[in-house]
C-alpha cells in the first residue's frame, strides 16, 4: 500500500499548527471524538495532550504502528462501526475512490452526528501515484455533503484546502 510506504518517511504529512488549532477549537467541547484517517497522529496527539477523549482510525498499518499508547484502530472507514459525539477528518476524503465516496459519507453519519471535514483541492502525486482521487471545489463538496448532513457550513478556507462543519 502506498500509504504504508509514505508513512516510513518522517517528512510526509508534517503538522500544520493552524489547522491543529482550528480543529481543537471545534472539538474541545465534545465528550467523545473520533479522528478519521489519523495518519501519524499529528492532530490526535495534540488533542490527547489537551486531555480530550479522542480515538483514531487509520488505514495504514505503518502509521498505526507509530501510535502505540493511543486509542487507534487499523481499519478502513467503510468497516468501522463505532459511535462518538463528533468526528473530524482532515485531508482524507479526497483520497477516496469517487465510486466509494457516497458509502464513506453515509458511514461517517452513522458514527457521529457532528463532523469537521477538511478537504484538499489539488493534485498530490507521490512516487508517481496520484493520491488525491477527487479534486473538486468547495461548492461541489458542499452539494455532496448536503445530501448526508442537514447543516453544512464552510468553516474556513486556505490555499487549496477548505473545511466544513456538518451536523445531522
N, C-alpha and C. Protein backbone atom coordinates (compact mmCIF):
# COMPACT_ATOMS: atom_id res chain seq x y z
N UNK A 1 0.85 -1.18 0.00
CA UNK A 1 0.00 0.00 0.00
C UNK A 1 0.89 1.25 0.00
N UNK A 2 0.55 2.19 -0.85
CA UNK A 2 1.35 3.41 -1.00
C UNK A 2 1.47 4.17 0.32
N UNK A 3 0.40 4.18 1.13
CA UNK A 3 0.44 4.95 2.37
C UNK A 3 1.38 4.33 3.40
N UNK A 4 1.49 3.02 3.43
CA UNK A 4 2.48 2.40 4.32
C UNK A 4 3.88 2.86 3.94
N UNK A 5 4.15 2.94 2.64
CA UNK A 5 5.46 3.42 2.18
C UNK A 5 5.67 4.89 2.56
N UNK A 6 4.65 5.71 2.37
CA UNK A 6 4.78 7.14 2.66
C UNK A 6 5.01 7.40 4.14
N UNK A 7 4.35 6.63 5.00
CA UNK A 7 4.49 6.87 6.44
C UNK A 7 5.82 6.38 7.01
N UNK A 8 6.66 5.76 6.20
CA UNK A 8 8.02 5.47 6.64
C UNK A 8 8.91 6.70 6.48
N UNK A 9 8.42 7.70 5.74
CA UNK A 9 9.15 8.96 5.52
C UNK A 9 8.71 9.97 6.59
N UNK A 10 9.60 10.34 7.47
CA UNK A 10 9.28 11.26 8.58
C UNK A 10 8.87 12.65 8.11
N UNK A 11 9.18 13.00 6.86
CA UNK A 11 8.83 14.33 6.36
C UNK A 11 7.45 14.36 5.70
N UNK A 12 6.80 13.19 5.57
CA UNK A 12 5.48 13.15 4.94
C UNK A 12 4.41 13.61 5.92
N UNK A 13 3.55 14.51 5.46
CA UNK A 13 2.39 14.96 6.24
C UNK A 13 2.80 15.58 7.57
N UNK A 14 3.65 16.58 7.51
CA UNK A 14 4.11 17.27 8.71
C UNK A 14 2.96 18.06 9.36
N UNK A 15 3.04 18.32 10.66
CA UNK A 15 1.96 19.03 11.36
C UNK A 15 1.71 20.42 10.80
N UNK A 16 0.45 20.82 10.80
CA UNK A 16 0.03 22.15 10.38
C UNK A 16 -0.60 22.80 11.61
N UNK A 17 0.13 23.66 12.29
CA UNK A 17 -0.31 24.25 13.56
C UNK A 17 -1.61 25.02 13.41
N UNK A 18 -1.78 25.75 12.34
CA UNK A 18 -3.03 26.50 12.12
C UNK A 18 -4.22 25.55 12.13
N UNK A 19 -4.14 24.46 11.35
CA UNK A 19 -5.25 23.51 11.28
C UNK A 19 -5.45 22.78 12.60
N UNK A 20 -4.38 22.40 13.25
CA UNK A 20 -4.50 21.71 14.54
C UNK A 20 -5.25 22.59 15.53
N UNK A 21 -4.92 23.87 15.58
CA UNK A 21 -5.61 24.80 16.49
C UNK A 21 -7.08 24.99 16.11
N UNK A 22 -7.37 25.06 14.82
CA UNK A 22 -8.76 25.19 14.37
C UNK A 22 -9.56 23.95 14.78
N UNK A 23 -8.99 22.78 14.59
CA UNK A 23 -9.68 21.54 14.97
C UNK A 23 -9.91 21.51 16.47
N UNK A 24 -8.89 21.87 17.24
CA UNK A 24 -9.03 21.86 18.70
C UNK A 24 -10.19 22.76 19.14
N UNK A 25 -10.26 23.96 18.59
CA UNK A 25 -11.33 24.89 18.97
C UNK A 25 -12.70 24.30 18.65
N UNK A 26 -12.79 23.51 17.59
CA UNK A 26 -14.06 22.91 17.21
C UNK A 26 -14.41 21.70 18.09
N UNK A 27 -13.45 20.84 18.42
CA UNK A 27 -13.75 19.58 19.12
C UNK A 27 -13.74 19.69 20.64
N UNK A 28 -13.18 20.74 21.19
CA UNK A 28 -12.88 20.77 22.63
C UNK A 28 -14.09 20.58 23.54
N UNK A 29 -15.28 20.86 23.09
CA UNK A 29 -16.46 20.73 23.95
C UNK A 29 -17.23 19.41 23.78
N UNK A 30 -16.73 18.53 22.93
CA UNK A 30 -17.38 17.23 22.75
C UNK A 30 -16.77 16.21 23.71
N UNK A 31 -17.60 15.27 24.18
CA UNK A 31 -17.13 14.29 25.16
C UNK A 31 -16.37 13.14 24.53
N UNK A 32 -16.80 12.67 23.37
CA UNK A 32 -16.11 11.57 22.69
C UNK A 32 -15.90 11.97 21.23
N UNK A 33 -14.66 11.79 20.77
CA UNK A 33 -14.26 12.31 19.47
C UNK A 33 -13.50 11.23 18.71
N UNK A 34 -13.79 11.10 17.42
CA UNK A 34 -13.06 10.19 16.55
C UNK A 34 -12.31 10.99 15.50
N UNK A 35 -11.05 10.66 15.31
CA UNK A 35 -10.23 11.25 14.25
C UNK A 35 -10.16 10.21 13.14
N UNK A 36 -10.81 10.49 12.03
CA UNK A 36 -10.87 9.57 10.89
C UNK A 36 -9.67 9.84 9.98
N UNK A 37 -8.88 8.79 9.75
CA UNK A 37 -7.68 8.94 8.92
C UNK A 37 -6.59 9.66 9.67
N UNK A 38 -6.26 9.14 10.86
CA UNK A 38 -5.37 9.88 11.77
C UNK A 38 -3.91 9.88 11.36
N UNK A 39 -3.54 9.11 10.34
CA UNK A 39 -2.15 9.15 9.87
C UNK A 39 -1.16 8.91 10.99
N UNK A 40 -0.14 9.75 11.07
CA UNK A 40 0.88 9.63 12.11
C UNK A 40 0.45 10.26 13.43
N UNK A 41 -0.77 10.80 13.45
CA UNK A 41 -1.34 11.27 14.71
C UNK A 41 -1.06 12.71 15.08
N UNK A 42 -0.73 13.57 14.12
CA UNK A 42 -0.44 14.97 14.45
C UNK A 42 -1.57 15.61 15.24
N UNK A 43 -2.79 15.48 14.77
CA UNK A 43 -3.94 16.07 15.46
C UNK A 43 -4.28 15.25 16.71
N UNK A 44 -4.24 13.94 16.59
CA UNK A 44 -4.59 13.04 17.69
C UNK A 44 -3.74 13.29 18.92
N UNK A 45 -2.45 13.41 18.73
CA UNK A 45 -1.53 13.64 19.86
C UNK A 45 -1.83 14.98 20.54
N UNK A 46 -2.08 16.00 19.74
CA UNK A 46 -2.39 17.33 20.31
C UNK A 46 -3.67 17.28 21.14
N UNK A 47 -4.71 16.64 20.60
CA UNK A 47 -5.99 16.57 21.31
C UNK A 47 -5.84 15.73 22.58
N UNK A 48 -5.08 14.66 22.51
CA UNK A 48 -4.83 13.82 23.68
C UNK A 48 -4.05 14.60 24.74
N UNK A 49 -3.04 15.34 24.31
CA UNK A 49 -2.26 16.17 25.24
C UNK A 49 -3.12 17.21 25.94
N UNK A 50 -4.18 17.66 25.28
CA UNK A 50 -5.10 18.65 25.85
C UNK A 50 -6.15 17.99 26.75
N UNK A 51 -6.07 16.66 26.89
CA UNK A 51 -6.98 15.95 27.79
C UNK A 51 -8.31 15.55 27.18
N UNK A 52 -8.43 15.62 25.86
CA UNK A 52 -9.68 15.25 25.22
C UNK A 52 -9.78 13.73 25.07
N UNK A 53 -11.01 13.22 25.07
CA UNK A 53 -11.27 11.80 24.87
C UNK A 53 -11.34 11.54 23.37
N UNK A 54 -10.18 11.31 22.76
CA UNK A 54 -10.10 11.16 21.31
C UNK A 54 -9.54 9.79 20.95
N UNK A 55 -10.15 9.20 19.93
CA UNK A 55 -9.71 7.93 19.35
C UNK A 55 -9.45 8.17 17.88
N UNK A 56 -8.75 7.24 17.24
CA UNK A 56 -8.48 7.39 15.82
C UNK A 56 -8.66 6.10 15.06
N UNK A 57 -8.94 6.24 13.77
CA UNK A 57 -8.90 5.10 12.86
C UNK A 57 -7.98 5.48 11.71
N UNK A 58 -7.27 4.48 11.19
CA UNK A 58 -6.29 4.73 10.14
C UNK A 58 -6.14 3.47 9.30
N UNK A 59 -6.11 3.65 7.99
CA UNK A 59 -5.97 2.54 7.05
C UNK A 59 -4.54 1.99 7.01
N UNK A 60 -3.55 2.84 7.19
CA UNK A 60 -2.15 2.44 7.08
C UNK A 60 -1.65 1.76 8.36
N UNK A 61 -1.23 0.52 8.21
CA UNK A 61 -0.68 -0.21 9.35
C UNK A 61 0.62 0.44 9.83
N UNK A 62 1.42 0.95 8.90
CA UNK A 62 2.68 1.62 9.25
C UNK A 62 2.41 2.85 10.13
N UNK A 63 1.42 3.66 9.75
CA UNK A 63 1.09 4.84 10.55
C UNK A 63 0.60 4.43 11.93
N UNK A 64 -0.24 3.40 12.00
CA UNK A 64 -0.76 2.93 13.29
C UNK A 64 0.36 2.44 14.20
N UNK A 65 1.39 1.84 13.62
CA UNK A 65 2.49 1.31 14.42
C UNK A 65 3.24 2.43 15.15
N UNK A 66 3.11 3.66 14.68
CA UNK A 66 3.77 4.81 15.31
C UNK A 66 2.92 5.43 16.41
N UNK A 67 1.74 4.86 16.65
CA UNK A 67 0.81 5.46 17.62
C UNK A 67 0.52 4.53 18.79
N UNK A 68 1.52 3.76 19.19
CA UNK A 68 1.37 2.90 20.37
C UNK A 68 1.08 3.78 21.58
N UNK A 69 0.14 3.34 22.40
CA UNK A 69 -0.23 4.12 23.58
C UNK A 69 -1.41 5.04 23.35
N UNK A 70 -1.84 5.17 22.10
CA UNK A 70 -3.02 5.97 21.77
C UNK A 70 -4.14 5.03 21.35
N UNK A 71 -5.38 5.50 21.44
CA UNK A 71 -6.54 4.69 21.06
C UNK A 71 -6.73 4.79 19.54
N UNK A 72 -6.09 3.87 18.82
CA UNK A 72 -6.13 3.88 17.36
C UNK A 72 -6.43 2.47 16.86
N UNK A 73 -7.32 2.39 15.88
CA UNK A 73 -7.67 1.12 15.25
C UNK A 73 -7.24 1.17 13.79
N UNK A 74 -6.57 0.11 13.34
CA UNK A 74 -6.14 -0.03 11.95
C UNK A 74 -7.31 -0.62 11.16
N UNK A 75 -8.10 0.25 10.52
CA UNK A 75 -9.31 -0.20 9.82
C UNK A 75 -9.69 0.82 8.75
N UNK A 76 -10.37 0.34 7.73
CA UNK A 76 -10.93 1.19 6.68
C UNK A 76 -12.20 1.84 7.20
N UNK A 77 -12.43 3.08 6.85
CA UNK A 77 -13.62 3.81 7.28
C UNK A 77 -14.91 3.05 6.99
N UNK A 78 -15.00 2.41 5.84
CA UNK A 78 -16.23 1.70 5.47
C UNK A 78 -16.59 0.58 6.44
N UNK A 79 -15.62 0.03 7.12
CA UNK A 79 -15.87 -1.11 8.02
C UNK A 79 -15.94 -0.72 9.49
N UNK A 80 -15.77 0.55 9.79
CA UNK A 80 -15.76 0.99 11.19
C UNK A 80 -17.19 1.27 11.66
N UNK A 81 -17.51 0.80 12.87
CA UNK A 81 -18.89 0.91 13.38
C UNK A 81 -19.00 1.60 14.73
N UNK A 82 -18.01 2.33 15.19
CA UNK A 82 -18.07 2.99 16.49
C UNK A 82 -19.08 4.13 16.53
N UNK A 83 -19.33 4.64 17.74
CA UNK A 83 -20.25 5.77 17.96
C UNK A 83 -19.56 6.84 18.79
N UNK A 84 -19.65 8.08 18.35
CA UNK A 84 -18.99 9.21 19.01
C UNK A 84 -19.91 10.43 18.98
N UNK A 85 -19.60 11.40 19.81
CA UNK A 85 -20.33 12.67 19.79
C UNK A 85 -19.97 13.48 18.55
N UNK A 86 -18.71 13.39 18.14
CA UNK A 86 -18.23 14.17 16.99
C UNK A 86 -17.04 13.45 16.36
N UNK A 87 -16.77 13.81 15.12
CA UNK A 87 -15.58 13.29 14.44
C UNK A 87 -14.95 14.41 13.63
N UNK A 88 -13.68 14.24 13.37
CA UNK A 88 -13.00 15.14 12.44
C UNK A 88 -12.18 14.30 11.49
N UNK A 89 -12.06 14.81 10.28
CA UNK A 89 -11.44 14.07 9.19
C UNK A 89 -10.71 15.12 8.34
N UNK A 90 -9.39 15.14 8.44
CA UNK A 90 -8.60 16.17 7.77
C UNK A 90 -7.77 15.57 6.64
N UNK A 91 -7.98 16.04 5.43
CA UNK A 91 -7.17 15.63 4.28
C UNK A 91 -7.29 14.12 4.04
N UNK A 92 -8.53 13.63 4.04
CA UNK A 92 -8.79 12.20 3.83
C UNK A 92 -9.78 11.97 2.69
N UNK A 93 -10.89 12.69 2.69
CA UNK A 93 -11.97 12.39 1.75
C UNK A 93 -11.52 12.46 0.29
N UNK A 94 -10.61 13.34 -0.03
CA UNK A 94 -10.14 13.45 -1.42
C UNK A 94 -9.30 12.25 -1.85
N UNK A 95 -8.90 11.41 -0.90
CA UNK A 95 -8.12 10.21 -1.20
C UNK A 95 -9.01 9.01 -1.52
N UNK A 96 -10.30 9.14 -1.34
CA UNK A 96 -11.24 8.02 -1.52
C UNK A 96 -11.63 7.91 -2.99
N UNK A 97 -11.74 6.68 -3.46
CA UNK A 97 -12.19 6.44 -4.84
C UNK A 97 -13.55 7.12 -5.05
N UNK A 98 -13.73 7.84 -6.14
CA UNK A 98 -15.01 8.51 -6.39
C UNK A 98 -16.22 7.57 -6.30
N UNK A 99 -16.06 6.33 -6.73
CA UNK A 99 -17.18 5.38 -6.67
C UNK A 99 -17.52 4.95 -5.25
N UNK A 100 -16.65 5.26 -4.28
CA UNK A 100 -16.86 4.84 -2.90
C UNK A 100 -17.16 6.01 -1.95
N UNK A 101 -17.16 7.23 -2.46
CA UNK A 101 -17.31 8.39 -1.58
C UNK A 101 -18.68 8.42 -0.91
N UNK A 102 -19.74 8.07 -1.63
CA UNK A 102 -21.08 8.10 -1.03
C UNK A 102 -21.18 7.13 0.13
N UNK A 103 -20.71 5.91 -0.03
CA UNK A 103 -20.76 4.93 1.05
C UNK A 103 -19.93 5.38 2.25
N UNK A 104 -18.81 6.01 2.00
CA UNK A 104 -17.97 6.51 3.10
C UNK A 104 -18.67 7.64 3.85
N UNK A 105 -19.30 8.55 3.12
CA UNK A 105 -20.02 9.64 3.78
C UNK A 105 -21.20 9.12 4.58
N UNK A 106 -21.91 8.13 4.05
CA UNK A 106 -23.01 7.51 4.81
C UNK A 106 -22.49 6.94 6.12
N UNK A 107 -21.33 6.29 6.06
CA UNK A 107 -20.79 5.70 7.29
C UNK A 107 -20.36 6.79 8.27
N UNK A 108 -19.82 7.88 7.79
CA UNK A 108 -19.47 8.98 8.70
C UNK A 108 -20.69 9.43 9.50
N UNK A 109 -21.84 9.53 8.82
CA UNK A 109 -23.05 9.99 9.52
C UNK A 109 -23.55 8.97 10.53
N UNK A 110 -23.21 7.70 10.36
CA UNK A 110 -23.62 6.68 11.33
C UNK A 110 -22.70 6.66 12.55
N UNK A 111 -21.52 7.25 12.44
CA UNK A 111 -20.54 7.25 13.53
C UNK A 111 -20.76 8.41 14.49
N UNK A 112 -21.06 9.59 13.95
CA UNK A 112 -21.19 10.79 14.80
C UNK A 112 -22.16 11.78 14.16
N UNK A 113 -22.95 12.49 14.97
CA UNK A 113 -23.88 13.47 14.43
C UNK A 113 -23.23 14.80 14.02
N UNK A 114 -21.99 15.01 14.46
CA UNK A 114 -21.28 16.25 14.14
C UNK A 114 -19.93 15.90 13.52
N UNK A 115 -19.56 16.62 12.46
CA UNK A 115 -18.30 16.33 11.78
C UNK A 115 -17.62 17.62 11.33
N UNK A 116 -16.31 17.64 11.45
CA UNK A 116 -15.48 18.68 10.87
C UNK A 116 -14.67 17.99 9.78
N UNK A 117 -14.91 18.38 8.53
CA UNK A 117 -14.32 17.70 7.39
C UNK A 117 -13.43 18.65 6.61
N UNK A 118 -12.13 18.40 6.65
CA UNK A 118 -11.16 19.21 5.92
C UNK A 118 -10.76 18.51 4.64
N UNK A 119 -10.77 19.25 3.54
CA UNK A 119 -10.57 18.65 2.22
C UNK A 119 -9.56 19.47 1.43
N UNK A 120 -8.58 18.78 0.86
CA UNK A 120 -7.61 19.42 -0.03
C UNK A 120 -8.15 19.40 -1.45
N UNK A 121 -7.87 20.44 -2.20
CA UNK A 121 -8.33 20.53 -3.59
C UNK A 121 -7.15 20.84 -4.50
N UNK A 122 -6.31 19.83 -4.68
CA UNK A 122 -5.17 19.98 -5.58
C UNK A 122 -4.61 18.59 -5.87
N UNK A 123 -3.78 18.53 -6.86
CA UNK A 123 -3.10 17.27 -7.18
C UNK A 123 -2.05 16.98 -6.11
N UNK A 124 -1.86 15.71 -5.81
CA UNK A 124 -0.82 15.30 -4.86
C UNK A 124 -0.23 13.99 -5.37
N UNK A 125 0.85 14.11 -6.13
CA UNK A 125 1.49 12.94 -6.71
C UNK A 125 2.71 12.59 -5.87
N UNK A 126 2.73 11.38 -5.36
CA UNK A 126 3.87 10.88 -4.58
C UNK A 126 4.31 9.56 -5.16
N UNK A 127 5.59 9.49 -5.46
CA UNK A 127 6.17 8.27 -6.02
C UNK A 127 5.42 7.81 -7.27
N UNK A 128 4.99 8.79 -8.06
CA UNK A 128 4.31 8.51 -9.32
C UNK A 128 2.85 8.15 -9.20
N UNK A 129 2.28 8.25 -8.01
CA UNK A 129 0.88 7.89 -7.78
C UNK A 129 0.09 9.13 -7.37
N UNK A 130 -1.03 9.39 -8.06
CA UNK A 130 -1.92 10.49 -7.67
C UNK A 130 -2.70 10.06 -6.44
N UNK A 131 -2.49 10.77 -5.34
CA UNK A 131 -3.14 10.42 -4.08
C UNK A 131 -4.51 11.07 -3.93
N UNK A 132 -4.69 12.24 -4.53
CA UNK A 132 -5.97 12.95 -4.43
C UNK A 132 -6.85 12.53 -5.60
N UNK A 133 -7.71 11.57 -5.33
CA UNK A 133 -8.54 10.98 -6.37
C UNK A 133 -9.77 11.82 -6.70
N UNK A 134 -10.15 12.70 -5.78
CA UNK A 134 -11.25 13.63 -6.02
C UNK A 134 -10.70 15.05 -5.86
N UNK A 135 -10.70 15.80 -6.95
CA UNK A 135 -10.21 17.18 -6.92
C UNK A 135 -11.34 18.09 -7.37
N UNK A 136 -12.12 18.53 -6.39
CA UNK A 136 -13.29 19.37 -6.67
C UNK A 136 -13.28 20.58 -5.75
N UNK A 137 -14.00 21.61 -6.15
CA UNK A 137 -14.03 22.85 -5.37
C UNK A 137 -14.99 22.74 -4.18
N UNK A 138 -15.00 23.78 -3.36
CA UNK A 138 -15.81 23.78 -2.14
C UNK A 138 -17.30 23.68 -2.45
N UNK A 139 -17.76 24.31 -3.51
CA UNK A 139 -19.18 24.24 -3.86
C UNK A 139 -19.59 22.81 -4.18
N UNK A 140 -18.76 22.10 -4.94
CA UNK A 140 -19.04 20.70 -5.27
C UNK A 140 -19.13 19.88 -4.00
N UNK A 141 -18.20 20.04 -3.08
CA UNK A 141 -18.22 19.29 -1.82
C UNK A 141 -19.42 19.68 -0.97
N UNK A 142 -19.76 20.97 -0.93
CA UNK A 142 -20.91 21.40 -0.15
C UNK A 142 -22.17 20.69 -0.64
N UNK A 143 -22.36 20.63 -1.95
CA UNK A 143 -23.53 19.95 -2.51
C UNK A 143 -23.54 18.47 -2.14
N UNK A 144 -22.40 17.82 -2.23
CA UNK A 144 -22.32 16.40 -1.88
C UNK A 144 -22.59 16.18 -0.39
N UNK A 145 -21.95 16.95 0.45
CA UNK A 145 -22.14 16.80 1.90
C UNK A 145 -23.57 17.09 2.32
N UNK A 146 -24.23 18.00 1.61
CA UNK A 146 -25.62 18.36 1.93
C UNK A 146 -26.59 17.21 1.67
N UNK A 147 -26.19 16.22 0.93
CA UNK A 147 -27.02 15.03 0.73
C UNK A 147 -27.04 14.16 1.99
N UNK A 148 -26.06 14.34 2.85
CA UNK A 148 -25.93 13.48 4.03
C UNK A 148 -26.09 14.20 5.36
N UNK A 149 -25.87 15.50 5.35
CA UNK A 149 -25.97 16.30 6.57
C UNK A 149 -27.02 17.39 6.38
N UNK A 150 -27.80 17.67 7.44
CA UNK A 150 -28.81 18.73 7.38
C UNK A 150 -28.16 20.11 7.37
N UNK A 151 -27.08 20.25 8.13
CA UNK A 151 -26.40 21.54 8.22
C UNK A 151 -24.96 21.37 7.74
N UNK A 152 -24.58 22.14 6.73
CA UNK A 152 -23.22 22.12 6.19
C UNK A 152 -22.77 23.56 6.05
N UNK A 153 -21.74 23.92 6.80
CA UNK A 153 -21.23 25.29 6.74
C UNK A 153 -19.74 25.28 6.44
N UNK A 154 -19.33 26.15 5.54
CA UNK A 154 -17.91 26.30 5.25
C UNK A 154 -17.27 26.97 6.46
N UNK A 155 -16.35 26.29 7.09
CA UNK A 155 -15.74 26.78 8.32
C UNK A 155 -14.54 27.69 8.03
N UNK A 156 -13.65 27.25 7.16
CA UNK A 156 -12.52 28.08 6.77
C UNK A 156 -11.96 27.62 5.44
N UNK A 157 -11.25 28.54 4.79
CA UNK A 157 -10.62 28.26 3.50
C UNK A 157 -9.16 28.69 3.60
N UNK A 158 -8.29 27.83 3.11
CA UNK A 158 -6.88 28.17 2.93
C UNK A 158 -6.57 27.99 1.45
N UNK A 159 -5.35 28.23 1.09
CA UNK A 159 -4.92 27.97 -0.28
C UNK A 159 -5.04 26.48 -0.56
N UNK A 160 -5.94 26.10 -1.43
CA UNK A 160 -6.14 24.72 -1.88
C UNK A 160 -6.64 23.77 -0.78
N UNK A 161 -7.28 24.30 0.25
CA UNK A 161 -7.82 23.49 1.34
C UNK A 161 -9.01 24.21 1.95
N UNK A 162 -10.04 23.48 2.29
CA UNK A 162 -11.21 24.06 2.95
C UNK A 162 -11.77 23.06 3.94
N UNK A 163 -12.53 23.56 4.91
CA UNK A 163 -13.11 22.70 5.94
C UNK A 163 -14.58 23.05 6.12
N UNK A 164 -15.38 22.01 6.35
CA UNK A 164 -16.81 22.16 6.58
C UNK A 164 -17.18 21.66 7.96
N UNK A 165 -18.08 22.39 8.62
CA UNK A 165 -18.71 21.92 9.85
C UNK A 165 -20.06 21.34 9.44
N UNK A 166 -20.29 20.08 9.80
CA UNK A 166 -21.50 19.38 9.37
C UNK A 166 -22.24 18.80 10.57
N UNK A 167 -23.57 18.84 10.51
CA UNK A 167 -24.40 18.26 11.58
C UNK A 167 -25.62 17.59 10.97
N UNK A 168 -26.05 16.52 11.63
CA UNK A 168 -27.26 15.80 11.19
C UNK A 168 -28.50 16.56 11.59
